[in-house]
Amino acid sequence: WYPDSAFKTASAIANFNREGLPLFMLANWRGFAGGQRDMFDEVLKYGAHIVDALRVYKQPVFVYIPAGGELRGGGVGGDRPH
């Protein structure tokens, strides 16, 4: 993701939640590296907004990982109890 697309994704998720719609996601996420470049370009900041929007989503969330797709790295993180 780039900062602007991550921000738009988080905004769309929040808007769908306000409308009371279920969320369907096609996932092919490698996560966020967390390196200096990602921090400088604010990719991590806006990527965290996606996680925050999903954490408070009140409707059903359906995630489809297509054949050959990936869900790994920071994309798997979330609000897990320790």
PDB file of N, CA and C in Angstrom:
ATOM      1  N   TRP A   1       0.827  -1.188   0.000  1.00  0.00           N
ATOM      2  CA  TRP A   1       0.000   0.000   0.000  1.00  0.00           C
ATOM      3  C   TRP A   1       0.864   1.242   0.000  1.00  0.00           C
ATOM      4  N   TYR A   2       0.290   2.294  -0.511  1.00  0.00           N
ATOM      5  CA  TYR A   2       0.881   3.614  -0.400  1.00  0.00           C
ATOM      6  C   TYR A   2       0.051   4.360   0.631  1.00  0.00           C
ATOM      7  N   PRO A   3       0.575   5.409   1.231  1.00  0.00           N
ATOM      8  CA  PRO A   3      -0.173   6.102   2.277  1.00  0.00           C
ATOM      9  C   PRO A   3      -1.574   6.534   1.829  1.00  0.00           C
ATOM     10  N   ASP A   4      -1.701   7.062   0.619  1.00  0.00           N
ATOM     11  CA  ASP A   4      -3.020   7.533   0.194  1.00  0.00           C
ATOM     12  C   ASP A   4      -3.997   6.384  -0.023  1.00  0.00           C
ATOM     13  N   SER A   5      -3.547   5.255  -0.564  1.00  0.00           N
ATOM     14  CA  SER A   5      -4.456   4.130  -0.769  1.00  0.00           C
ATOM     15  C   SER A   5      -4.806   3.457   0.558  1.00  0.00           C
ATOM     16  N   ALA A   6      -3.866   3.402   1.496  1.00  0.00           N
ATOM     17  CA  ALA A   6      -4.168   2.850   2.815  1.00  0.00           C
ATOM     18  C   ALA A   6      -5.183   3.731   3.539  1.00  0.00           C
ATOM     19  N   PHE A   7      -5.043   5.046   3.401  1.00  0.00           N
ATOM     20  CA  PHE A   7      -6.005   5.973   4.012  1.00  0.00           C
ATOM     21  C   PHE A   7      -7.386   5.795   3.385  1.00  0.00           C
ATOM     22  N   LYS A   8      -7.445   5.664   2.063  1.00  0.00           N
ATOM     23  CA  LYS A   8      -8.731   5.483   1.377  1.00  0.00           C
ATOM     24  C   LYS A   8      -9.370   4.165   1.778  1.00  0.00           C
ATOM     25  N   THR A   9      -8.578   3.125   1.947  1.00  0.00           N
ATOM     26  CA  THR A   9      -9.107   1.829   2.372  1.00  0.00           C
ATOM     27  C   THR A   9      -9.708   1.928   3.767  1.00  0.00           C
ATOM     28  N   ALA A  10      -8.981   2.556   4.689  1.00  0.00           N
ATOM     29  CA  ALA A  10      -9.483   2.721   6.059  1.00  0.00           C
ATOM     30  C   ALA A  10     -10.754   3.570   6.065  1.00  0.00           C
ATOM     31  N   SER A  11     -10.792   4.609   5.260  1.00  0.00           N
ATOM     32  CA  SER A  11     -11.983   5.474   5.179  1.00  0.00           C
ATOM     33  C   SER A  11     -13.181   4.709   4.631  1.00  0.00           C
ATOM     34  N   ALA A  12     -12.945   3.892   3.607  1.00  0.00           N
ATOM     35  CA  ALA A  12     -14.036   3.106   3.028  1.00  0.00           C
ATOM     36  C   ALA A  12     -14.593   2.110   4.042  1.00  0.00           C
ATOM     37  N   ILE A  13     -13.708   1.458   4.793  1.00  0.00           N
ATOM     38  CA  ILE A  13     -14.157   0.510   5.819  1.00  0.00           C
ATOM     39  C   ILE A  13     -15.009   1.231   6.860  1.00  0.00           C
ATOM     40  N   ALA A  14     -14.567   2.395   7.311  1.00  0.00           N
ATOM     41  CA  ALA A  14     -15.335   3.171   8.294  1.00  0.00           C
ATOM     42  C   ALA A  14     -16.690   3.601   7.716  1.00  0.00           C
ATOM     43  N   ASN A  15     -16.716   4.002   6.456  1.00  0.00           N
ATOM     44  CA  ASN A  15     -17.972   4.411   5.824  1.00  0.00           C
ATOM     45  C   ASN A  15     -18.949   3.247   5.711  1.00  0.00           C
ATOM     46  N   PHE A  16     -18.450   2.067   5.312  1.00  0.00           N
ATOM     47  CA  PHE A  16     -19.316   0.897   5.225  1.00  0.00           C
ATOM     48  C   PHE A  16     -19.883   0.549   6.600  1.00  0.00           C
ATOM     49  N   ASN A  17     -19.079   0.693   7.643  1.00  0.00           N
ATOM     50  CA  ASN A  17     -19.533   0.420   9.003  1.00  0.00           C
ATOM     51  C   ASN A  17     -20.656   1.378   9.392  1.00  0.00           C
ATOM     52  N   ARG A  18     -20.480   2.666   9.083  1.00  0.00           N
ATOM     53  CA  ARG A  18     -21.521   3.658   9.385  1.00  0.00           C
ATOM     54  C   ARG A  18     -22.824   3.359   8.650  1.00  0.00           C
ATOM     55  N   GLU A  19     -22.714   2.822   7.448  1.00  0.00           N
ATOM     56  CA  GLU A  19     -23.898   2.482   6.650  1.00  0.00           C
ATOM     57  C   GLU A  19     -24.532   1.170   7.100  1.00  0.00           C
ATOM     58  N   GLY A  20     -23.859   0.435   7.984  1.00  0.00           N
ATOM     59  CA  GLY A  20     -24.389  -0.829   8.482  1.00  0.00           C
ATOM     60  C   GLY A  20     -24.285  -1.959   7.474  1.00  0.00           C
ATOM     61  N   LEU A  21     -23.284  -1.899   6.609  1.00  0.00           N
ATOM     62  CA  LEU A  21     -23.109  -2.910   5.562  1.00  0.00           C
ATOM     63  C   LEU A  21     -22.108  -3.981   5.978  1.00  0.00           C
ATOM     64  N   PRO A  22     -22.332  -5.222   5.554  1.00  0.00           N
ATOM     65  CA  PRO A  22     -21.290  -6.229   5.755  1.00  0.00           C
ATOM     66  C   PRO A  22     -20.104  -5.892   4.864  1.00  0.00           C
ATOM     67  N   LEU A  23     -18.938  -6.366   5.232  1.00  0.00           N
ATOM     68  CA  LEU A  23     -17.717  -6.056   4.499  1.00  0.00           C
ATOM     69  C   LEU A  23     -17.173  -7.315   3.837  1.00  0.00           C
ATOM     70  N   PHE A  24     -16.941  -7.227   2.534  1.00  0.00           N
ATOM     71  CA  PHE A  24     -16.343  -8.313   1.776  1.00  0.00           C
ATOM     72  C   PHE A  24     -14.976  -7.844   1.313  1.00  0.00           C
ATOM     73  N   MET A  25     -13.950  -8.612   1.662  1.00  0.00           N
ATOM     74  CA  MET A  25     -12.585  -8.213   1.306  1.00  0.00           C
ATOM     75  C   MET A  25     -11.907  -9.325   0.522  1.00  0.00           C
ATOM     76  N   LEU A  26     -11.255  -8.949  -0.566  1.00  0.00           N
ATOM     77  CA  LEU A  26     -10.378  -9.857  -1.293  1.00  0.00           C
ATOM     78  C   LEU A  26      -8.981  -9.590  -0.772  1.00  0.00           C
ATOM     79  N   ALA A  27      -8.413 -10.554  -0.069  1.00  0.00           N
ATOM     80  CA  ALA A  27      -7.144 -10.322   0.620  1.00  0.00           C
ATOM     81  C   ALA A  27      -5.984 -10.940  -0.140  1.00  0.00           C
ATOM     82  N   ASN A  28      -5.005 -10.133  -0.398  1.00  0.00           N
ATOM     83  CA  ASN A  28      -3.718 -10.590  -0.911  1.00  0.00           C
ATOM     84  C   ASN A  28      -2.698  -9.638  -0.287  1.00  0.00           C
ATOM     85  N   TRP A  29      -2.495  -9.788   1.024  1.00  0.00           N
ATOM     86  CA  TRP A  29      -1.722  -8.836   1.806  1.00  0.00           C
ATOM     87  C   TRP A  29      -0.415  -9.439   2.261  1.00  0.00           C
ATOM     88  N   ARG A  30       0.628  -8.692   2.086  1.00  0.00           N
ATOM     89  CA  ARG A  30       1.932  -9.111   2.580  1.00  0.00           C
ATOM     90  C   ARG A  30       2.289  -8.363   3.853  1.00  0.00           C
ATOM     91  N   GLY A  31       1.470  -7.452   4.273  1.00  0.00           N
ATOM     92  CA  GLY A  31       1.737  -6.717   5.498  1.00  0.00           C
ATOM     93  C   GLY A  31       2.621  -5.508   5.254  1.00  0.00           C
ATOM     94  N   PHE A  32       3.008  -4.883   6.316  1.00  0.00           N
ATOM     95  CA  PHE A  32       3.839  -3.691   6.264  1.00  0.00           C
ATOM     96  C   PHE A  32       5.194  -4.031   6.865  1.00  0.00           C
ATOM     97  N   ALA A  33       6.241  -3.683   6.158  1.00  0.00           N
ATOM     98  CA  ALA A  33       7.586  -4.074   6.573  1.00  0.00           C
ATOM     99  C   ALA A  33       7.993  -3.446   7.903  1.00  0.00           C
ATOM    100  N   GLY A  34       7.605  -2.225   8.137  1.00  0.00           N
ATOM    101  CA  GLY A  34       7.965  -1.568   9.384  1.00  0.00           C
ATOM    102  C   GLY A  34       9.336  -0.944   9.364  1.00  0.00           C
ATOM    103  N   GLY A  35       9.936  -0.858   8.191  1.00  0.00           N
ATOM    104  CA  GLY A  35      11.246  -0.239   8.077  1.00  0.00           C
ATOM    105  C   GLY A  35      11.170   1.278   8.078  1.00  0.00           C
ATOM    106  N   GLN A  36      12.330   1.901   7.999  1.00  0.00           N
ATOM    107  CA  GLN A  36      12.383   3.368   8.025  1.00  0.00           C
ATOM    108  C   GLN A  36      11.605   3.988   6.887  1.00  0.00           C
ATOM    109  N   ARG A  37      11.685   3.393   5.713  1.00  0.00           N
ATOM    110  CA  ARG A  37      10.979   3.970   4.566  1.00  0.00           C
ATOM    111  C   ARG A  37       9.469   3.960   4.802  1.00  0.00           C
ATOM    112  N   ASP A  38       8.922   2.822   5.296  1.00  0.00           N
ATOM    113  CA  ASP A  38       7.489   2.743   5.572  1.00  0.00           C
ATOM    114  C   ASP A  38       7.079   3.751   6.635  1.00  0.00           C
ATOM    115  N   MET A  39       7.932   3.960   7.619  1.00  0.00           N
ATOM    116  CA  MET A  39       7.608   4.925   8.670  1.00  0.00           C
ATOM    117  C   MET A  39       7.680   6.351   8.115  1.00  0.00           C
ATOM    118  N   PHE A  40       8.699   6.643   7.332  1.00  0.00           N
ATOM    119  CA  PHE A  40       8.862   7.978   6.764  1.00  0.00           C
ATOM    120  C   PHE A  40       7.734   8.306   5.798  1.00  0.00           C
ATOM    121  N   ASP A  41       7.333   7.337   4.980  1.00  0.00           N
ATOM    122  CA  ASP A  41       6.266   7.547   4.000  1.00  0.00           C
ATOM    123  C   ASP A  41       4.876   7.436   4.616  1.00  0.00           C
ATOM    124  N   GLU A  42       4.794   7.194   5.910  1.00  0.00           N
ATOM    125  CA  GLU A  42       3.554   7.089   6.673  1.00  0.00           C
ATOM    126  C   GLU A  42       2.685   5.903   6.254  1.00  0.00           C
ATOM    127  N   VAL A  43       3.310   4.890   5.644  1.00  0.00           N
ATOM    128  CA  VAL A  43       2.565   3.690   5.287  1.00  0.00           C
ATOM    129  C   VAL A  43       2.081   2.985   6.555  1.00  0.00           C
ATOM    130  N   LEU A  44       2.935   2.907   7.565  1.00  0.00           N
ATOM    131  CA  LEU A  44       2.546   2.253   8.820  1.00  0.00           C
ATOM    132  C   LEU A  44       1.413   2.999   9.510  1.00  0.00           C
ATOM    133  N   LYS A  45       1.488   4.308   9.501  1.00  0.00           N
ATOM    134  CA  LYS A  45       0.461   5.124  10.157  1.00  0.00           C
ATOM    135  C   LYS A  45      -0.914   4.843   9.561  1.00  0.00           C
ATOM    136  N   TYR A  46      -1.009   4.903   8.245  1.00  0.00           N
ATOM    137  CA  TYR A  46      -2.310   4.711   7.613  1.00  0.00           C
ATOM    138  C   TYR A  46      -2.688   3.232   7.540  1.00  0.00           C
ATOM    139  N   GLY A  47      -1.706   2.347   7.499  1.00  0.00           N
ATOM    140  CA  GLY A  47      -2.004   0.925   7.589  1.00  0.00           C
ATOM    141  C   GLY A  47      -2.625   0.582   8.933  1.00  0.00           C
ATOM    142  N   ALA A  48      -2.172   1.253   9.985  1.00  0.00           N
ATOM    143  CA  ALA A  48      -2.751   1.044  11.317  1.00  0.00           C
ATOM    144  C   ALA A  48      -4.198   1.513  11.359  1.00  0.00           C
ATOM    145  N   HIS A  49      -4.539   2.504  10.554  1.00  0.00           N
ATOM    146  CA  HIS A  49      -5.934   2.968  10.480  1.00  0.00           C
ATOM    147  C   HIS A  49      -6.834   1.862   9.928  1.00  0.00           C
ATOM    148  N   ILE A  50      -6.308   1.049   9.007  1.00  0.00           N
ATOM    149  CA  ILE A  50      -7.077  -0.082   8.480  1.00  0.00           C
ATOM    150  C   ILE A  50      -7.368  -1.070   9.600  1.00  0.00           C
ATOM    151  N   VAL A  51      -6.353  -1.404  10.377  1.00  0.00           N
ATOM    152  CA  VAL A  51      -6.529  -2.342  11.492  1.00  0.00           C
ATOM    153  C   VAL A  51      -7.520  -1.773  12.501  1.00  0.00           C
ATOM    154  N   ASP A  52      -7.408  -0.484  12.815  1.00  0.00           N
ATOM    155  CA  ASP A  52      -8.340   0.151  13.753  1.00  0.00           C
ATOM    156  C   ASP A  52      -9.769   0.099  13.234  1.00  0.00           C
ATOM    157  N   ALA A  53      -9.969   0.375  11.943  1.00  0.00           N
ATOM    158  CA  ALA A  53     -11.314   0.355  11.361  1.00  0.00           C
ATOM    159  C   ALA A  53     -11.906  -1.054  11.406  1.00  0.00           C
ATOM    160  N   LEU A  54     -11.084  -2.065  11.158  1.00  0.00           N
ATOM    161  CA  LEU A  54     -11.568  -3.449  11.229  1.00  0.00           C
ATOM    162  C   LEU A  54     -11.867  -3.871  12.663  1.00  0.00           C
ATOM    163  N   ARG A  55     -11.074  -3.381  13.597  1.00  0.00           N
ATOM    164  CA  ARG A  55     -11.246  -3.765  15.007  1.00  0.00           C
ATOM    165  C   ARG A  55     -12.597  -3.337  15.553  1.00  0.00           C
ATOM    166  N   VAL A  56     -13.113  -2.199  15.103  1.00  0.00           N
ATOM    167  CA  VAL A  56     -14.381  -1.680  15.632  1.00  0.00           C
ATOM    168  C   VAL A  56     -15.551  -1.930  14.696  1.00  0.00           C
ATOM    169  N   TYR A  57     -15.346  -2.706  13.647  1.00  0.00           N
ATOM    170  CA  TYR A  57     -16.411  -2.972  12.674  1.00  0.00           C
ATOM    171  C   TYR A  57     -17.520  -3.769  13.336  1.00  0.00           C
ATOM    172  N   LYS A  58     -18.757  -3.315  13.210  1.00  0.00           N
ATOM    173  CA  LYS A  58     -19.892  -3.931  13.910  1.00  0.00           C
ATOM    174  C   LYS A  58     -20.645  -4.950  13.065  1.00  0.00           C
ATOM    175  N   GLN A  59     -20.429  -4.951  11.768  1.00  0.00           N
ATOM    176  CA  GLN A  59     -21.130  -5.850  10.858  1.00  0.00           C
ATOM    177  C   GLN A  59     -20.233  -7.050  10.547  1.00  0.00           C
ATOM    178  N   PRO A  60     -20.806  -8.073   9.899  1.00  0.00           N
ATOM    179  CA  PRO A  60     -19.967  -9.223   9.514  1.00  0.00           C
ATOM    180  C   PRO A  60     -18.871  -8.815   8.528  1.00  0.00           C
ATOM    181  N   VAL A  61     -17.707  -9.435   8.676  1.00  0.00           N
ATOM    182  CA  VAL A  61     -16.582  -9.204   7.768  1.00  0.00           C
ATOM    183  C   VAL A  61     -16.227 -10.549   7.140  1.00  0.00           C
ATOM    184  N   PHE A  62     -16.260 -10.602   5.819  1.00  0.00           N
ATOM    185  CA  PHE A  62     -15.917 -11.800   5.073  1.00  0.00           C
ATOM    186  C   PHE A  62     -14.608 -11.537   4.341  1.00  0.00           C
ATOM    187  N   VAL A  63     -13.640 -12.423   4.536  1.00  0.00           N
ATOM    188  CA  VAL A  63     -12.335 -12.259   3.888  1.00  0.00           C
ATOM    189  C   VAL A  63     -12.104 -13.462   2.988  1.00  0.00           C
ATOM    190  N   TYR A  64     -11.852 -13.189   1.725  1.00  0.00           N
ATOM    191  CA  TYR A  64     -11.542 -14.244   0.759  1.00  0.00           C
ATOM    192  C   TYR A  64     -10.086 -14.092   0.341  1.00  0.00           C
ATOM    193  N   ILE A  65      -9.326 -15.171   0.493  1.00  0.00           N
ATOM    194  CA  ILE A  65      -7.935 -15.190   0.038  1.00  0.00           C
ATOM    195  C   ILE A  65      -7.915 -16.012  -1.245  1.00  0.00           C
ATOM    196  N   PRO A  66      -7.701 -15.364  -2.391  1.00  0.00           N
ATOM    197  CA  PRO A  66      -7.742 -16.098  -3.658  1.00  0.00           C
ATOM    198  C   PRO A  66      -6.599 -17.102  -3.765  1.00  0.00           C
ATOM    199  N   ALA A  67      -6.772 -18.056  -4.671  1.00  0.00           N
ATOM    200  CA  ALA A  67      -5.722 -19.045  -4.917  1.00  0.00           C
ATOM    201  C   ALA A  67      -4.431 -18.327  -5.282  1.00  0.00           C
ATOM    202  N   GLY A  68      -3.358 -18.685  -4.629  1.00  0.00           N
ATOM    203  CA  GLY A  68      -2.072 -18.029  -4.861  1.00  0.00           C
ATOM    204  C   GLY A  68      -1.910 -16.735  -4.093  1.00  0.00           C
ATOM    205  N   GLY A  69      -2.947 -16.329  -3.360  1.00  0.00           N
ATOM    206  CA  GLY A  69      -2.877 -15.101  -2.568  1.00  0.00           C
ATOM    207  C   GLY A  69      -2.080 -15.310  -1.296  1.00  0.00           C
ATOM    208  N   GLU A  70      -1.721 -14.210  -0.656  1.00  0.00           N
ATOM    209  CA  GLU A  70      -0.931 -14.272   0.573  1.00  0.00           C
ATOM    210  C   GLU A  70      -1.589 -13.427   1.654  1.00  0.00           C
ATOM    211  N   LEU A  71      -1.487 -13.902   2.859  1.00  0.00           N
ATOM    212  CA  LEU A  71      -1.883 -13.132   4.037  1.00  0.00           C
ATOM    213  C   LEU A  71      -0.806 -13.412   5.071  1.00  0.00           C
ATOM    214  N   ARG A  72       0.199 -12.556   5.105  1.00  0.00           N
ATOM    215  CA  ARG A  72       1.337 -12.805   5.987  1.00  0.00           C
ATOM    216  C   ARG A  72       1.948 -11.489   6.440  1.00  0.00           C
ATOM    217  N   GLY A  73       2.900 -11.594   7.324  1.00  0.00           N
ATOM    218  CA  GLY A  73       3.584 -10.417   7.817  1.00  0.00           C
ATOM    219  C   GLY A  73       2.679  -9.569   8.697  1.00  0.00           C
ATOM    220  N   GLY A  74       2.849  -8.258   8.606  1.00  0.00           N
ATOM    221  CA  GLY A  74       2.048  -7.328   9.413  1.00  0.00           C
ATOM    222  C   GLY A  74       0.577  -7.376   9.087  1.00  0.00           C
ATOM    223  N   GLY A  75       0.216  -7.916   7.915  1.00  0.00           N
ATOM    224  CA  GLY A  75      -1.180  -8.016   7.527  1.00  0.00           C
ATOM    225  C   GLY A  75      -1.964  -8.981   8.402  1.00  0.00           C
ATOM    226  N   VAL A  76      -1.269  -9.844   9.172  1.00  0.00           N
ATOM    227  CA  VAL A  76      -1.942 -10.822  10.007  1.00  0.00           C
ATOM    228  C   VAL A  76      -2.136 -10.272  11.414  1.00  0.00           C
ATOM    229  N   GLY A  77      -1.516  -9.176  11.744  1.00  0.00           N
ATOM    230  CA  GLY A  77      -1.583  -8.617  13.095  1.00  0.00           C
ATOM    231  C   GLY A  77      -3.008  -8.258  13.483  1.00  0.00           C
ATOM    232  N   GLY A  78      -3.171  -7.702  14.614  1.00  0.00           N
ATOM    233  CA  GLY A  78      -4.506  -7.322  15.044  1.00  0.00           C
ATOM    234  C   GLY A  78      -4.532  -7.106  16.531  1.00  0.00           C
ATOM    235  N   ASP A  79      -5.712  -7.212  17.057  1.00  0.00           N
ATOM    236  CA  ASP A  79      -5.935  -6.944  18.466  1.00  0.00           C
ATOM    237  C   ASP A  79      -6.068  -8.270  19.191  1.00  0.00           C
ATOM    238  N   ARG A  80      -4.963  -8.989  19.344  1.00  0.00           N
ATOM    239  CA  ARG A  80      -4.976 -10.288  19.998  1.00  0.00           C
ATOM    240  C   ARG A  80      -4.588 -10.142  21.462  1.00  0.00           C
ATOM    241  N   PRO A  81      -5.294 -10.830  22.343  1.00  0.00           N
ATOM    242  CA  PRO A  81      -4.883 -10.780  23.757  1.00  0.00           C
ATOM    243  C   PRO A  81      -3.550 -11.485  23.942  1.00  0.00           C
ATOM    244  N   HIS A  82      -2.784 -11.017  24.897  1.00  0.00           N
ATOM    245  CA  HIS A  82      -1.465 -11.621  25.167  1.00  0.00           C
ATOM    246  C   HIS A  82      -1.582 -12.750  26.148  1.00  0.00           C
TER     247      HIS A  82
END
